[in-house]
Amino acid sequence: MPEADTPATRAPSPAAEDLLAAWTALLRRCGAATDPAPAGRELLRRWSEPQRRYHTVDHLRAVLGHVDALAEHADDPDAVRLAAWFHDAVYRPDRSENEERSAALAVRALDGCGLPAARVAEVARLVRLTVTHRPEPGDRDGEVLCDADLAVLGGDPAAYAAYAAAVREEYAFVPEPDFRAGRAAVLRQLLALPALYRTTTAHGRFDAPARANLAAELARLAGPAEPGEPARPTGPGAPDGTG
């Protein structure tokens, strides 16, 4: 399951043991033919990689919690939970193929655990969907995963500010003007969407605060750079601006 270019990882925190237990129960519920714990530990190591600031174990935990809250809207909630585990499992902010590599990792890991091929394919499809966060109408599982992943946009202003700051830290190699331009473009695209959230539950809870948060950040990005925001060395990545 490990990849040669995976950055050095920290061991998962003991506080993540509840996540490992949840992973193990999920895989057994889905028909795993082998012990799922080693794959779960490897996933938690990936989510603990040192280059992560927002896309961490805390993000994984939050997305899984939102999937649970939205589970009634899904056709296969456990497939969505599996996709949540893998959706940012491969994460290098200086690369653009993270979702595809995460989907490939899901196929290898879940095949290795002996899950049915149809469910493995569905999980990989859902992971790839997080490139755009735009599920097709009627894609109930896709709607739940995307709403759970974007729920951070609808947090209270302090939580949103912490999220935005963590994303900036992940892209510390991008010069400030370039980051502002790329991030602002993403925020405008999000604000132009007729619906940020597809499930009725997420739309009712998150849409209005998310739009307020996005508009406030866009206004800040359009203003002068704050003290302590020097230009940084450039790199090939660009801020994706979502989750």
Protein backbone atom coordinates (compact mmCIF):
# COMPACT_ATOMS: atom_id res chain seq x y z
CA MET A 1 0.00 0.00 0.00
CA PRO A 2 2.80 2.55 0.65
CA GLU A 3 4.05 4.59 -2.33
CA ALA A 4 7.68 5.40 -3.00
CA ASP A 5 7.14 9.17 -3.11
CA THR A 6 5.09 9.37 0.08
CA PRO A 7 6.70 11.91 2.45
CA ALA A 8 8.05 10.66 5.76
CA THR A 9 5.15 10.19 8.13
CA ARG A 10 4.52 10.48 11.81
CA ALA A 11 2.94 7.57 13.61
CA PRO A 12 -0.81 8.08 14.13
CA SER A 13 -1.69 9.71 17.43
CA PRO A 14 -3.20 7.47 20.09
CA ALA A 15 -6.19 9.81 19.81
CA ALA A 16 -6.81 8.29 16.37
CA GLU A 17 -7.44 4.84 17.81
CA ASP A 18 -11.17 5.50 17.67
CA LEU A 19 -10.81 6.13 13.94
CA LEU A 20 -8.92 2.88 13.50
CA ALA A 21 -11.70 1.07 15.36
CA ALA A 22 -14.30 2.75 13.12
CA TRP A 23 -12.31 1.78 10.00
CA THR A 24 -12.05 -1.83 11.15
CA ALA A 25 -15.78 -2.04 11.87
CA LEU A 26 -16.58 -0.43 8.50
CA LEU A 27 -14.40 -2.86 6.54
CA ARG A 28 -15.83 -5.86 8.33
CA ARG A 29 -19.34 -4.57 7.69
CA CYS A 30 -18.43 -4.26 4.01
CA GLY A 31 -17.23 -7.87 3.83
CA ALA A 32 -13.45 -7.63 4.28
CA ALA A 33 -11.81 -11.04 3.90
CA THR A 34 -8.58 -10.04 5.67
CA ASP A 35 -7.66 -8.12 8.80
CA PRO A 36 -8.39 -4.46 7.89
CA ALA A 37 -6.30 -2.96 10.71
CA PRO A 38 -2.97 -2.75 8.79
CA ALA A 39 -4.60 -0.85 5.94
CA GLY A 40 -6.27 1.45 8.46
CA ARG A 41 -2.98 2.20 10.18
CA GLU A 42 -1.35 2.97 6.84
CA LEU A 43 -4.18 5.37 5.99
CA LEU A 44 -3.83 7.14 9.32
CA ARG A 45 -0.08 7.48 8.75
CA ARG A 46 -0.83 9.09 5.41
CA TRP A 47 -3.30 11.51 6.97
CA SER A 48 -0.54 12.40 9.49
CA GLU A 49 2.09 13.39 6.91
CA PRO A 50 4.11 16.49 7.83
CA GLN A 51 3.21 18.55 4.74
CA ARG A 52 -0.44 18.64 5.81
CA ARG A 53 -1.95 21.55 7.71
CA TYR A 54 -5.63 21.36 6.79
CA HIS A 55 -5.88 17.93 5.11
CA THR A 56 -5.11 16.13 8.37
CA VAL A 57 -6.64 13.47 10.58
CA ASP A 58 -8.89 16.23 11.94
CA HIS A 59 -10.27 16.83 8.43
CA LEU A 60 -10.82 13.10 7.97
CA ARG A 61 -12.67 12.94 11.27
CA ALA A 62 -14.81 15.96 10.37
CA VAL A 63 -15.77 14.59 6.95
CA LEU A 64 -16.69 11.21 8.43
CA GLY A 65 -18.86 12.99 11.00
CA HIS A 66 -20.65 14.95 8.29
CA VAL A 67 -21.18 11.76 6.27
CA ASP A 68 -22.82 10.21 9.31
CA ALA A 69 -25.05 13.27 9.70
CA LEU A 70 -26.06 13.11 6.02
CA ALA A 71 -26.27 9.31 5.75
CA GLU A 72 -30.04 9.29 5.22
CA HIS A 73 -29.48 11.02 1.88
CA ALA A 74 -27.11 8.32 0.56
CA ASP A 75 -27.92 5.11 -1.29
CA ASP A 76 -24.81 3.37 0.08
CA PRO A 77 -23.59 5.25 3.17
CA ASP A 78 -20.75 2.80 3.76
CA ALA A 79 -19.38 3.37 0.25
CA VAL A 80 -19.40 7.08 1.03
CA ARG A 81 -17.58 6.45 4.32
CA LEU A 82 -14.94 4.43 2.50
CA ALA A 83 -14.54 7.23 -0.04
CA ALA A 84 -14.14 9.73 2.79
CA TRP A 85 -11.24 7.68 4.16
CA PHE A 86 -9.48 7.76 0.78
CA HIS A 87 -10.48 11.12 -0.71
CA ASP A 88 -7.31 12.96 0.41
CA ALA A 89 -5.23 9.93 1.36
CA VAL A 90 -2.64 10.95 -1.24
CA TYR A 91 -2.01 14.65 -0.75
CA ARG A 92 0.89 16.67 -2.10
CA PRO A 93 -0.04 20.34 -2.48
CA ASP A 94 2.57 20.78 -5.24
CA ARG A 95 0.88 18.17 -7.44
CA SER A 96 -2.38 18.10 -9.36
CA GLU A 97 -3.16 14.37 -9.52
CA ASN A 98 -3.92 13.78 -5.85
CA GLU A 99 -7.49 12.61 -6.37
CA GLU A 100 -6.54 10.17 -9.11
CA ARG A 101 -3.74 8.74 -7.01
CA SER A 102 -6.06 8.54 -4.01
CA ALA A 103 -8.60 6.62 -6.11
CA ALA A 104 -5.90 4.23 -7.28
CA LEU A 105 -4.82 3.72 -3.68
CA ALA A 106 -8.42 2.93 -2.75
CA VAL A 107 -8.61 0.26 -5.43
CA ARG A 108 -5.37 -1.38 -4.31
CA ALA A 109 -6.19 -1.27 -0.61
CA LEU A 110 -9.80 -2.38 -0.85
CA ASP A 111 -8.99 -5.11 -3.36
CA GLY A 112 -6.34 -6.26 -0.92
CA CYS A 113 -8.95 -6.43 1.84
CA GLY A 114 -11.18 -8.57 -0.37
CA LEU A 115 -14.10 -6.17 -0.83
CA PRO A 116 -16.48 -6.81 -3.73
CA ALA A 117 -15.34 -5.32 -7.02
CA ALA A 118 -18.52 -3.30 -7.53
CA ARG A 119 -18.16 -1.49 -4.22
CA VAL A 120 -14.45 -0.87 -4.81
CA ALA A 121 -15.28 0.71 -8.17
CA GLU A 122 -17.93 2.91 -6.58
CA VAL A 123 -15.50 4.11 -3.92
CA ALA A 124 -12.93 5.01 -6.58
CA ARG A 125 -15.59 6.88 -8.56
CA LEU A 126 -16.59 8.88 -5.52
CA VAL A 127 -12.98 9.78 -4.70
CA ARG A 128 -12.48 11.08 -8.25
CA LEU A 129 -15.62 13.16 -7.90
CA THR A 130 -13.87 15.34 -5.32
CA VAL A 131 -11.85 16.90 -8.14
CA THR A 132 -14.88 19.03 -9.05
CA HIS A 133 -17.38 18.48 -6.20
CA ARG A 134 -20.08 18.47 -8.86
CA PRO A 135 -22.10 15.24 -8.71
CA GLU A 136 -24.64 14.56 -11.42
CA PRO A 137 -28.33 14.96 -10.53
CA GLY A 138 -29.53 11.84 -8.73
CA ASP A 139 -26.02 10.82 -7.61
CA ARG A 140 -27.02 10.59 -3.97
CA ASP A 141 -23.76 9.09 -2.75
CA GLY A 142 -21.77 11.73 -4.61
CA GLU A 143 -23.93 14.47 -3.15
CA VAL A 144 -23.30 13.28 0.39
CA LEU A 145 -19.55 12.98 -0.05
CA CYS A 146 -19.20 16.39 -1.68
CA ASP A 147 -21.44 18.09 0.88
CA ALA A 148 -19.45 16.50 3.71
CA ASP A 149 -16.14 17.59 2.19
CA LEU A 150 -17.34 21.18 1.64
CA ALA A 151 -19.06 21.53 5.02
CA VAL A 152 -16.00 23.40 6.31
CA LEU A 153 -16.99 26.34 4.14
CA GLY A 154 -20.13 26.77 6.23
CA GLY A 155 -18.45 26.88 9.63
CA ASP A 156 -18.55 29.85 11.97
CA PRO A 157 -16.22 32.74 11.01
CA ALA A 158 -13.47 31.69 13.42
CA ALA A 159 -13.47 28.09 12.18
CA TYR A 160 -13.48 29.26 8.58
CA ALA A 161 -10.56 31.60 9.25
CA ALA A 162 -8.59 28.72 10.76
CA TYR A 163 -9.37 26.58 7.70
CA ALA A 164 -8.28 29.30 5.27
CA ALA A 165 -5.06 29.91 7.23
CA ALA A 166 -4.25 26.18 7.20
CA VAL A 167 -4.78 26.00 3.44
CA ARG A 168 -2.41 28.95 3.02
CA GLU A 169 0.21 27.12 5.10
CA GLU A 170 -0.07 24.09 2.82
CA TYR A 171 0.69 26.36 -0.13
CA ALA A 172 3.50 28.27 1.57
CA PHE A 173 5.70 27.66 -1.47
CA VAL A 174 3.37 29.77 -3.67
CA PRO A 175 4.14 33.52 -3.76
CA GLU A 176 1.49 35.66 -2.10
CA PRO A 177 0.25 37.41 -5.28
CA ASP A 178 -0.10 34.10 -7.10
CA PHE A 179 -1.85 32.50 -4.16
CA ARG A 180 -4.31 35.38 -3.86
CA ALA A 181 -5.13 35.28 -7.56
CA GLY A 182 -5.64 31.51 -7.64
CA ARG A 183 -7.60 31.38 -4.42
CA ALA A 184 -9.83 34.29 -5.46
CA ALA A 185 -10.63 32.57 -8.76
CA VAL A 186 -11.75 29.45 -6.91
CA LEU A 187 -13.87 31.45 -4.47
CA ARG A 188 -15.61 33.26 -7.35
CA GLN A 189 -16.37 29.94 -9.01
CA LEU A 190 -17.89 28.63 -5.78
CA LEU A 191 -19.98 31.76 -5.24
CA ALA A 192 -21.28 31.51 -8.81
CA LEU A 193 -22.71 28.05 -8.22
CA PRO A 194 -26.50 27.95 -7.91
CA ALA A 195 -26.09 25.52 -5.01
CA LEU A 196 -22.96 24.85 -2.97
CA TYR A 197 -24.66 21.88 -1.32
CA ARG A 198 -26.93 19.28 -2.90
CA THR A 199 -28.60 17.57 0.04
CA THR A 200 -31.42 19.46 1.69
CA THR A 201 -29.85 19.02 5.12
CA ALA A 202 -26.46 20.44 4.15
CA HIS A 203 -27.99 23.21 2.06
CA GLY A 204 -30.16 24.37 4.94
CA ARG A 205 -27.34 24.26 7.44
CA PHE A 206 -24.30 25.45 5.48
CA ASP A 207 -25.20 27.36 2.32
CA ALA A 208 -25.86 30.82 3.77
CA PRO A 209 -22.87 30.89 6.17
CA ALA A 210 -20.62 29.42 3.46
CA ARG A 211 -21.52 32.19 1.04
CA ALA A 212 -20.87 34.80 3.72
CA ASN A 213 -17.48 33.23 4.54
CA LEU A 214 -16.47 32.99 0.89
CA ALA A 215 -17.46 36.59 0.21
CA ALA A 216 -15.55 37.82 3.27
CA GLU A 217 -12.40 35.96 2.27
CA LEU A 218 -12.70 37.22 -1.30
CA ALA A 219 -12.88 40.78 -0.01
CA ARG A 220 -9.80 40.20 2.15
CA LEU A 221 -7.86 38.77 -0.77
CA ALA A 222 -8.70 41.84 -2.83
CA GLY A 223 -7.20 44.12 -0.17
CA PRO A 224 -3.56 44.87 0.61
CA ALA A 225 -1.32 42.11 1.90
CA GLU A 226 -1.19 41.97 5.67
CA PRO A 227 2.11 42.37 7.56
CA GLY A 228 3.94 39.06 7.72
CA GLU A 229 2.85 37.91 4.25
CA PRO A 230 6.14 38.04 2.32
CA ALA A 231 6.49 36.48 -1.11
CA ARG A 232 7.65 32.90 -0.90
CA PRO A 233 9.57 30.69 -3.30
CA THR A 234 7.45 29.67 -6.23
CA GLY A 235 6.37 26.13 -7.04
CA PRO A 236 4.13 24.18 -9.44
CA GLY A 237 1.10 23.88 -7.18
CA ALA A 238 -1.96 26.10 -7.03
CA PRO A 239 -4.56 26.46 -4.28
CA ASP A 240 -7.63 24.34 -4.91
CA GLY A 241 -9.60 26.33 -2.36
CA THR A 242 -12.02 23.61 -1.28
CA GLY A 243 -11.35 20.68 0.95
